Amino acid sequence: MTRSIDLPHPAAGGNGSPPLDERDVDIIARIGKAMYGRWWIGPVAEDLGHDHQVVRRWLKGQGTPSQKDIDWMRLRGRRMAAQISRECER
């Protein structure tokens, strides 16, 4: 069986769950990158009703997103995934 060079070995990430030391902002970043790609910070900040500098400060460890911010990103991610799924079935 051939493997793509770009794919990590299956054991590289453990069982696929997020790291135990994942910060709250890492959850937002992970979802934001999946939704918006490389330039995710601006759209995520807009989704959350914050200036992009707020998200950048979180990433630097200066402050942390609220539980409401995390819950909202999870909801937005689920909604986008559902919309994409519906469009794929058309």
PDB file of N, CA and C in Angstrom:
ATOM      1  N   MET A   1       0.837  -1.168   0.000  1.00  0.00           N
ATOM      2  CA  MET A   1       0.000   0.000   0.000  1.00  0.00           C
ATOM      3  C   MET A   1       0.888   1.240   0.000  1.00  0.00           C
ATOM      4  N   THR A   2       0.596   2.191  -0.858  1.00  0.00           N
ATOM      5  CA  THR A   2       1.368   3.433  -0.896  1.00  0.00           C
ATOM      6  C   THR A   2       0.674   4.514  -0.092  1.00  0.00           C
ATOM      7  N   ARG A   3       1.490   5.325   0.521  1.00  0.00           N
ATOM      8  CA  ARG A   3       0.962   6.433   1.328  1.00  0.00           C
ATOM      9  C   ARG A   3       1.454   7.744   0.740  1.00  0.00           C
ATOM     10  N   SER A   4       0.634   8.755   0.851  1.00  0.00           N
ATOM     11  CA  SER A   4       1.036  10.084   0.426  1.00  0.00           C
ATOM     12  C   SER A   4       2.056  10.624   1.417  1.00  0.00           C
ATOM     13  N   ILE A   5       3.038  11.321   0.924  1.00  0.00           N
ATOM     14  CA  ILE A   5       4.054  11.916   1.787  1.00  0.00           C
ATOM     15  C   ILE A   5       3.427  12.969   2.699  1.00  0.00           C
ATOM     16  N   ASP A   6       2.364  13.627   2.232  1.00  0.00           N
ATOM     17  CA  ASP A   6       1.740  14.706   2.992  1.00  0.00           C
ATOM     18  C   ASP A   6       0.943  14.217   4.200  1.00  0.00           C
ATOM     19  N   LEU A   7       0.600  12.952   4.250  1.00  0.00           N
ATOM     20  CA  LEU A   7      -0.218  12.439   5.344  1.00  0.00           C
ATOM     21  C   LEU A   7       0.668  11.926   6.472  1.00  0.00           C
ATOM     22  N   PRO A   8       0.375  12.321   7.715  1.00  0.00           N
ATOM     23  CA  PRO A   8       1.161  11.787   8.829  1.00  0.00           C
ATOM     24  C   PRO A   8       0.839  10.316   9.045  1.00  0.00           C
ATOM     25  N   HIS A   9       1.761   9.622   9.639  1.00  0.00           N
ATOM     26  CA  HIS A   9       1.532   8.233  10.003  1.00  0.00           C
ATOM     27  C   HIS A   9       0.344   8.193  10.956  1.00  0.00           C
ATOM     28  N   PRO A  10      -0.543   7.186  10.856  1.00  0.00           N
ATOM     29  CA  PRO A  10      -1.734   7.140  11.715  1.00  0.00           C
ATOM     30  C   PRO A  10      -1.442   7.276  13.206  1.00  0.00           C
ATOM     31  N   ALA A  11      -0.313   6.768  13.663  1.00  0.00           N
ATOM     32  CA  ALA A  11       0.002   6.843  15.089  1.00  0.00           C
ATOM     33  C   ALA A  11       0.528   8.214  15.499  1.00  0.00           C
ATOM     34  N   ALA A  12       0.824   9.072  14.523  1.00  0.00           N
ATOM     35  CA  ALA A  12       1.422  10.367  14.837  1.00  0.00           C
ATOM     36  C   ALA A  12       0.523  11.232  15.706  1.00  0.00           C
ATOM     37  N   GLY A  13      -0.783  11.130  15.557  1.00  0.00           N
ATOM     38  CA  GLY A  13      -1.697  11.959  16.340  1.00  0.00           C
ATOM     39  C   GLY A  13      -2.444  11.189  17.398  1.00  0.00           C
ATOM     40  N   GLY A  14      -1.953  10.044  17.776  1.00  0.00           N
ATOM     41  CA  GLY A  14      -2.663   9.235  18.767  1.00  0.00           C
ATOM     42  C   GLY A  14      -3.962   8.720  18.193  1.00  0.00           C
ATOM     43  N   ASN A  15      -5.025   8.815  18.976  1.00  0.00           N
ATOM     44  CA  ASN A  15      -6.311   8.287  18.518  1.00  0.00           C
ATOM     45  C   ASN A  15      -7.147   9.335  17.792  1.00  0.00           C
ATOM     46  N   GLY A  16      -6.543  10.477  17.478  1.00  0.00           N
ATOM     47  CA  GLY A  16      -7.250  11.500  16.726  1.00  0.00           C
ATOM     48  C   GLY A  16      -7.955  12.531  17.579  1.00  0.00           C
ATOM     49  N   SER A  17      -7.940  12.356  18.885  1.00  0.00           N
ATOM     50  CA  SER A  17      -8.593  13.336  19.751  1.00  0.00           C
ATOM     51  C   SER A  17      -7.680  14.552  19.919  1.00  0.00           C
ATOM     52  N   PRO A  18      -8.261  15.701  20.310  1.00  0.00           N
ATOM     53  CA  PRO A  18      -7.418  16.878  20.512  1.00  0.00           C
ATOM     54  C   PRO A  18      -6.460  16.670  21.675  1.00  0.00           C
ATOM     55  N   PRO A  19      -5.351  17.388  21.675  1.00  0.00           N
ATOM     56  CA  PRO A  19      -4.408  17.257  22.781  1.00  0.00           C
ATOM     57  C   PRO A  19      -5.071  17.622  24.109  1.00  0.00           C
ATOM     58  N   LEU A  20      -4.638  16.987  25.175  1.00  0.00           N
ATOM     59  CA  LEU A  20      -5.224  17.253  26.486  1.00  0.00           C
ATOM     60  C   LEU A  20      -4.954  18.676  26.958  1.00  0.00           C
ATOM     61  N   ASP A  21      -3.863  19.269  26.501  1.00  0.00           N
ATOM     62  CA  ASP A  21      -3.511  20.618  26.936  1.00  0.00           C
ATOM     63  C   ASP A  21      -4.018  21.684  25.962  1.00  0.00           C
ATOM     64  N   GLU A  22      -5.023  21.367  25.177  1.00  0.00           N
ATOM     65  CA  GLU A  22      -5.553  22.313  24.200  1.00  0.00           C
ATOM     66  C   GLU A  22      -6.188  23.505  24.923  1.00  0.00           C
ATOM     67  N   ARG A  23      -5.752  24.700  24.542  1.00  0.00           N
ATOM     68  CA  ARG A  23      -6.311  25.921  25.129  1.00  0.00           C
ATOM     69  C   ARG A  23      -7.662  26.219  24.483  1.00  0.00           C
ATOM     70  N   ASP A  24      -8.460  27.050  25.142  1.00  0.00           N
ATOM     71  CA  ASP A  24      -9.758  27.429  24.584  1.00  0.00           C
ATOM     72  C   ASP A  24      -9.603  28.085  23.218  1.00  0.00           C
ATOM     73  N   VAL A  25      -8.586  28.927  23.071  1.00  0.00           N
ATOM     74  CA  VAL A  25      -8.379  29.586  21.780  1.00  0.00           C
ATOM     75  C   VAL A  25      -7.988  28.570  20.707  1.00  0.00           C
ATOM     76  N   ASP A  26      -7.360  27.468  21.086  1.00  0.00           N
ATOM     77  CA  ASP A  26      -7.001  26.434  20.112  1.00  0.00           C
ATOM     78  C   ASP A  26      -8.242  25.763  19.539  1.00  0.00           C
ATOM     79  N   ILE A  27      -9.277  25.645  20.344  1.00  0.00           N
ATOM     80  CA  ILE A  27     -10.546  25.094  19.855  1.00  0.00           C
ATOM     81  C   ILE A  27     -11.116  26.019  18.794  1.00  0.00           C
ATOM     82  N   ILE A  28     -11.128  27.318  19.099  1.00  0.00           N
ATOM     83  CA  ILE A  28     -11.636  28.301  18.144  1.00  0.00           C
ATOM     84  C   ILE A  28     -10.776  28.308  16.885  1.00  0.00           C
ATOM     85  N   ALA A  29      -9.458  28.244  17.039  1.00  0.00           N
ATOM     86  CA  ALA A  29      -8.555  28.244  15.888  1.00  0.00           C
ATOM     87  C   ALA A  29      -8.771  27.010  15.013  1.00  0.00           C
ATOM     88  N   ARG A  30      -8.915  25.854  15.638  1.00  0.00           N
ATOM     89  CA  ARG A  30      -9.108  24.611  14.880  1.00  0.00           C
ATOM     90  C   ARG A  30     -10.379  24.679  14.040  1.00  0.00           C
ATOM     91  N   ILE A  31     -11.465  25.135  14.651  1.00  0.00           N
ATOM     92  CA  ILE A  31     -12.739  25.241  13.931  1.00  0.00           C
ATOM     93  C   ILE A  31     -12.642  26.328  12.869  1.00  0.00           C
ATOM     94  N   GLY A  32     -12.053  27.462  13.232  1.00  0.00           N
ATOM     95  CA  GLY A  32     -11.913  28.569  12.287  1.00  0.00           C
ATOM     96  C   GLY A  32     -11.105  28.198  11.061  1.00  0.00           C
ATOM     97  N   LYS A  33     -10.010  27.475  11.246  1.00  0.00           N
ATOM     98  CA  LYS A  33      -9.189  27.043  10.111  1.00  0.00           C
ATOM     99  C   LYS A  33      -9.956  26.082   9.217  1.00  0.00           C
ATOM    100  N   ALA A  34     -10.732  25.201   9.821  1.00  0.00           N
ATOM    101  CA  ALA A  34     -11.535  24.259   9.029  1.00  0.00           C
ATOM    102  C   ALA A  34     -12.601  24.992   8.223  1.00  0.00           C
ATOM    103  N   MET A  35     -13.158  26.050   8.801  1.00  0.00           N
ATOM    104  CA  MET A  35     -14.225  26.791   8.134  1.00  0.00           C
ATOM    105  C   MET A  35     -13.698  27.756   7.076  1.00  0.00           C
ATOM    106  N   TYR A  36     -12.625  28.464   7.397  1.00  0.00           N
ATOM    107  CA  TYR A  36     -12.187  29.583   6.566  1.00  0.00           C
ATOM    108  C   TYR A  36     -10.800  29.428   5.956  1.00  0.00           C
ATOM    109  N   GLY A  37     -10.082  28.394   6.333  1.00  0.00           N
ATOM    110  CA  GLY A  37      -8.760  28.191   5.756  1.00  0.00           C
ATOM    111  C   GLY A  37      -7.695  29.081   6.376  1.00  0.00           C
ATOM    112  N   ARG A  38      -6.688  29.345   5.593  1.00  0.00           N
ATOM    113  CA  ARG A  38      -5.484  30.039   6.048  1.00  0.00           C
ATOM    114  C   ARG A  38      -5.766  31.408   6.677  1.00  0.00           C
ATOM    115  N   TRP A  39      -6.696  32.140   6.133  1.00  0.00           N
ATOM    116  CA  TRP A  39      -6.985  33.502   6.595  1.00  0.00           C
ATOM    117  C   TRP A  39      -8.224  33.500   7.490  1.00  0.00           C
ATOM    118  N   TRP A  40      -8.197  32.721   8.531  1.00  0.00           N
ATOM    119  CA  TRP A  40      -9.364  32.477   9.377  1.00  0.00           C
ATOM    120  C   TRP A  40      -9.603  33.524  10.452  1.00  0.00           C
ATOM    121  N   ILE A  41      -8.597  34.247  10.881  1.00  0.00           N
ATOM    122  CA  ILE A  41      -8.726  35.112  12.056  1.00  0.00           C
ATOM    123  C   ILE A  41      -9.777  36.204  11.865  1.00  0.00           C
ATOM    124  N   GLY A  42      -9.745  36.916  10.756  1.00  0.00           N
ATOM    125  CA  GLY A  42     -10.710  37.987  10.512  1.00  0.00           C
ATOM    126  C   GLY A  42     -12.149  37.498  10.491  1.00  0.00           C
ATOM    127  N   PRO A  43     -12.453  36.463   9.679  1.00  0.00           N
ATOM    128  CA  PRO A  43     -13.823  35.957   9.658  1.00  0.00           C
ATOM    129  C   PRO A  43     -14.300  35.420  11.011  1.00  0.00           C
ATOM    130  N   VAL A  44     -13.406  34.766  11.750  1.00  0.00           N
ATOM    131  CA  VAL A  44     -13.789  34.250  13.071  1.00  0.00           C
ATOM    132  C   VAL A  44     -14.079  35.407  14.022  1.00  0.00           C
ATOM    133  N   ALA A  45     -13.218  36.419  14.008  1.00  0.00           N
ATOM    134  CA  ALA A  45     -13.444  37.585  14.866  1.00  0.00           C
ATOM    135  C   ALA A  45     -14.788  38.225  14.538  1.00  0.00           C
ATOM    136  N   GLU A  46     -15.093  38.340  13.246  1.00  0.00           N
ATOM    137  CA  GLU A  46     -16.376  38.911  12.834  1.00  0.00           C
ATOM    138  C   GLU A  46     -17.537  38.040  13.310  1.00  0.00           C
ATOM    139  N   ASP A  47     -17.415  36.725  13.156  1.00  0.00           N
ATOM    140  CA  ASP A  47     -18.459  35.804  13.630  1.00  0.00           C
ATOM    141  C   ASP A  47     -18.732  35.988  15.121  1.00  0.00           C
ATOM    142  N   LEU A  48     -17.668  36.226  15.881  1.00  0.00           N
ATOM    143  CA  LEU A  48     -17.785  36.336  17.333  1.00  0.00           C
ATOM    144  C   LEU A  48     -18.117  37.754  17.797  1.00  0.00           C
ATOM    145  N   GLY A  49     -18.079  38.703  16.865  1.00  0.00           N
ATOM    146  CA  GLY A  49     -18.369  40.089  17.234  1.00  0.00           C
ATOM    147  C   GLY A  49     -17.199  40.796  17.898  1.00  0.00           C
ATOM    148  N   HIS A  50     -15.978  40.337  17.590  1.00  0.00           N
ATOM    149  CA  HIS A  50     -14.769  40.934  18.158  1.00  0.00           C
ATOM    150  C   HIS A  50     -13.925  41.532  17.041  1.00  0.00           C
ATOM    151  N   ASP A  51     -13.021  42.420  17.418  1.00  0.00           N
ATOM    152  CA  ASP A  51     -12.001  42.910  16.504  1.00  0.00           C
ATOM    153  C   ASP A  51     -10.971  41.794  16.312  1.00  0.00           C
ATOM    154  N   HIS A  52     -10.339  41.753  15.147  1.00  0.00           N
ATOM    155  CA  HIS A  52      -9.363  40.681  14.892  1.00  0.00           C
ATOM    156  C   HIS A  52      -8.205  40.727  15.879  1.00  0.00           C
ATOM    157  N   GLN A  53      -7.911  41.906  16.420  1.00  0.00           N
ATOM    158  CA  GLN A  53      -6.817  42.008  17.392  1.00  0.00           C
ATOM    159  C   GLN A  53      -7.125  41.240  18.679  1.00  0.00           C
ATOM    160  N   VAL A  54      -8.390  41.126  19.016  1.00  0.00           N
ATOM    161  CA  VAL A  54      -8.776  40.353  20.205  1.00  0.00           C
ATOM    162  C   VAL A  54      -8.383  38.890  20.018  1.00  0.00           C
ATOM    163  N   VAL A  55      -8.696  38.338  18.852  1.00  0.00           N
ATOM    164  CA  VAL A  55      -8.351  36.939  18.572  1.00  0.00           C
ATOM    165  C   VAL A  55      -6.830  36.774  18.556  1.00  0.00           C
ATOM    166  N   ARG A  56      -6.121  37.727  17.975  1.00  0.00           N
ATOM    167  CA  ARG A  56      -4.652  37.657  17.951  1.00  0.00           C
ATOM    168  C   ARG A  56      -4.076  37.696  19.374  1.00  0.00           C
ATOM    169  N   ARG A  57      -4.668  38.492  20.251  1.00  0.00           N
ATOM    170  CA  ARG A  57      -4.209  38.527  21.650  1.00  0.00           C
ATOM    171  C   ARG A  57      -4.442  37.183  22.329  1.00  0.00           C
ATOM    172  N   TRP A  58      -5.602  36.577  22.071  1.00  0.00           N
ATOM    173  CA  TRP A  58      -5.859  35.252  22.644  1.00  0.00           C
ATOM    174  C   TRP A  58      -4.775  34.271  22.225  1.00  0.00           C
ATOM    175  N   LEU A  59      -4.410  34.327  20.946  1.00  0.00           N
ATOM    176  CA  LEU A  59      -3.398  33.404  20.433  1.00  0.00           C
ATOM    177  C   LEU A  59      -2.043  33.611  21.110  1.00  0.00           C
ATOM    178  N   LYS A  60      -1.767  34.847  21.529  1.00  0.00           N
ATOM    179  CA  LYS A  60      -0.515  35.158  22.230  1.00  0.00           C
ATOM    180  C   LYS A  60      -0.591  34.834  23.716  1.00  0.00           C
ATOM    181  N   GLY A  61      -1.754  34.389  24.177  1.00  0.00           N
ATOM    182  CA  GLY A  61      -1.910  34.066  25.586  1.00  0.00           C
ATOM    183  C   GLY A  61      -2.362  35.240  26.430  1.00  0.00           C
ATOM    184  N   GLN A  62      -2.759  36.326  25.767  1.00  0.00           N
ATOM    185  CA  GLN A  62      -3.236  37.516  26.478  1.00  0.00           C
ATOM    186  C   GLN A  62      -4.758  37.483  26.502  1.00  0.00           C
ATOM    187  N   GLY A  63      -5.312  36.951  27.550  1.00  0.00           N
ATOM    188  CA  GLY A  63      -6.756  36.791  27.638  1.00  0.00           C
ATOM    189  C   GLY A  63      -7.181  35.453  27.056  1.00  0.00           C
ATOM    190  N   THR A  64      -8.443  35.192  27.169  1.00  0.00           N
ATOM    191  CA  THR A  64      -8.976  33.915  26.692  1.00  0.00           C
ATOM    192  C   THR A  64     -10.415  34.113  26.228  1.00  0.00           C
ATOM    193  N   PRO A  65     -10.843  33.345  25.240  1.00  0.00           N
ATOM    194  CA  PRO A  65     -12.234  33.460  24.797  1.00  0.00           C
ATOM    195  C   PRO A  65     -13.192  32.972  25.882  1.00  0.00           C
ATOM    196  N   SER A  66     -14.385  33.527  25.860  1.00  0.00           N
ATOM    197  CA  SER A  66     -15.404  33.093  26.821  1.00  0.00           C
ATOM    198  C   SER A  66     -15.998  31.760  26.378  1.00  0.00           C
ATOM    199  N   GLN A  67     -16.689  31.112  27.284  1.00  0.00           N
ATOM    200  CA  GLN A  67     -17.388  29.872  26.925  1.00  0.00           C
ATOM    201  C   GLN A  67     -18.418  30.150  25.839  1.00  0.00           C
ATOM    202  N   LYS A  68     -19.035  31.331  25.885  1.00  0.00           N
ATOM    203  CA  LYS A  68     -20.003  31.724  24.857  1.00  0.00           C
ATOM    204  C   LYS A  68     -19.337  31.778  23.479  1.00  0.00           C
ATOM    205  N   ASP A  69     -18.097  32.308  23.414  1.00  0.00           N
ATOM    206  CA  ASP A  69     -17.354  32.352  22.148  1.00  0.00           C
ATOM    207  C   ASP A  69     -17.096  30.942  21.620  1.00  0.00           C
ATOM    208  N   ILE A  70     -16.684  30.055  22.497  1.00  0.00           N
ATOM    209  CA  ILE A  70     -16.390  28.675  22.097  1.00  0.00           C
ATOM    210  C   ILE A  70     -17.665  27.979  21.623  1.00  0.00           C
ATOM    211  N   ASP A  71     -18.729  28.127  22.385  1.00  0.00           N
ATOM    212  CA  ASP A  71     -20.003  27.502  22.006  1.00  0.00           C
ATOM    213  C   ASP A  71     -20.501  28.035  20.668  1.00  0.00           C
ATOM    214  N   TRP A  72     -20.351  29.339  20.439  1.00  0.00           N
ATOM    215  CA  TRP A  72     -20.802  29.942  19.181  1.00  0.00           C
ATOM    216  C   TRP A  72     -20.000  29.385  18.001  1.00  0.00           C
ATOM    217  N   MET A  73     -18.683  29.247  18.159  1.00  0.00           N
ATOM    218  CA  MET A  73     -17.872  28.702  17.064  1.00  0.00           C
ATOM    219  C   MET A  73     -18.242  27.252  16.777  1.00  0.00           C
ATOM    220  N   ARG A  74     -18.488  26.483  17.809  1.00  0.00           N
ATOM    221  CA  ARG A  74     -18.907  25.093  17.593  1.00  0.00           C
ATOM    222  C   ARG A  74     -20.233  25.044  16.837  1.00  0.00           C
ATOM    223  N   LEU A  75     -21.165  25.915  17.217  1.00  0.00           N
ATOM    224  CA  LEU A  75     -22.457  25.970  16.529  1.00  0.00           C
ATOM    225  C   LEU A  75     -22.279  26.393  15.080  1.00  0.00           C
ATOM    226  N   ARG A  76     -21.462  27.419  14.828  1.00  0.00           N
ATOM    227  CA  ARG A  76     -21.217  27.885  13.453  1.00  0.00           C
ATOM    228  C   ARG A  76     -20.579  26.772  12.624  1.00  0.00           C
ATOM    229  N   GLY A  77     -19.630  26.058  13.219  1.00  0.00           N
ATOM    230  CA  GLY A  77     -18.980  24.964  12.509  1.00  0.00           C
ATOM    231  C   GLY A  77     -19.954  23.858  12.148  1.00  0.00           C
ATOM    232  N   ARG A  78     -20.814  23.505  13.082  1.00  0.00           N
ATOM    233  CA  ARG A  78     -21.818  22.463  12.813  1.00  0.00           C
ATOM    234  C   ARG A  78     -22.802  22.907  11.734  1.00  0.00           C
ATOM    235  N   ARG A  79     -23.206  24.176  11.803  1.00  0.00           N
ATOM    236  CA  ARG A  79     -24.135  24.688  10.782  1.00  0.00           C
ATOM    237  C   ARG A  79     -23.501  24.678   9.401  1.00  0.00           C
ATOM    238  N   MET A  80     -22.230  25.097   9.318  1.00  0.00           N
ATOM    239  CA  MET A  80     -21.555  25.106   8.024  1.00  0.00           C
ATOM    240  C   MET A  80     -21.395  23.681   7.504  1.00  0.00           C
ATOM    241  N   ALA A  81     -21.034  22.754   8.372  1.00  0.00           N
ATOM    242  CA  ALA A  81     -20.884  21.359   7.960  1.00  0.00           C
ATOM    243  C   ALA A  81     -22.207  20.798   7.450  1.00  0.00           C
ATOM    244  N   ALA A  82     -23.304  21.127   8.126  1.00  0.00           N
ATOM    245  CA  ALA A  82     -24.623  20.648   7.696  1.00  0.00           C
ATOM    246  C   ALA A  82     -24.999  21.240   6.349  1.00  0.00           C
ATOM    247  N   GLN A  83     -24.700  22.519   6.151  1.00  0.00           N
ATOM    248  CA  GLN A  83     -25.009  23.166   4.876  1.00  0.00           C
ATOM    249  C   GLN A  83     -24.209  22.536   3.742  1.00  0.00           C
ATOM    250  N   ILE A  84     -22.940  22.294   3.970  1.00  0.00           N
ATOM    251  CA  ILE A  84     -22.101  21.655   2.953  1.00  0.00           C
ATOM    252  C   ILE A  84     -22.618  20.256   2.653  1.00  0.00           C
ATOM    253  N   SER A  85     -22.977  19.518   3.684  1.00  0.00           N
ATOM    254  CA  SER A  85     -23.506  18.169   3.499  1.00  0.00           C
ATOM    255  C   SER A  85     -24.776  18.185   2.654  1.00  0.00           C
ATOM    256  N   ARG A  86     -25.664  19.133   2.946  1.00  0.00           N
ATOM    257  CA  ARG A  86     -26.900  19.239   2.149  1.00  0.00           C
ATOM    258  C   ARG A  86     -26.589  19.544   0.688  1.00  0.00           C
ATOM    259  N   GLU A  87     -25.646  20.435   0.456  1.00  0.00           N
ATOM    260  CA  GLU A  87     -25.293  20.801  -0.918  1.00  0.00           C
ATOM    261  C   GLU A  87     -24.648  19.633  -1.657  1.00  0.00           C
ATOM    262  N   CYS A  88     -23.915  18.813  -0.952  1.00  0.00           N
ATOM    263  CA  CYS A  88     -23.285  17.643  -1.581  1.00  0.00           C
ATOM    264  C   CYS A  88     -24.320  16.609  -1.994  1.00  0.00           C
ATOM    265  N   GLU A  89     -25.445  16.581  -1.314  1.00  0.00           N
ATOM    266  CA  GLU A  89     -26.492  15.602  -1.608  1.00  0.00           C
ATOM    267  C   GLU A  89     -27.415  16.047  -2.737  1.00  0.00           C
ATOM    268  N   ARG A  90     -27.321  17.276  -3.163  1.00  0.00           N
ATOM    269  CA  ARG A  90     -28.189  17.781  -4.242  1.00  0.00           C
ATOM    270  C   ARG A  90     -27.842  17.165  -5.564  1.00  0.00           C
TER     271      ARG A  90
END
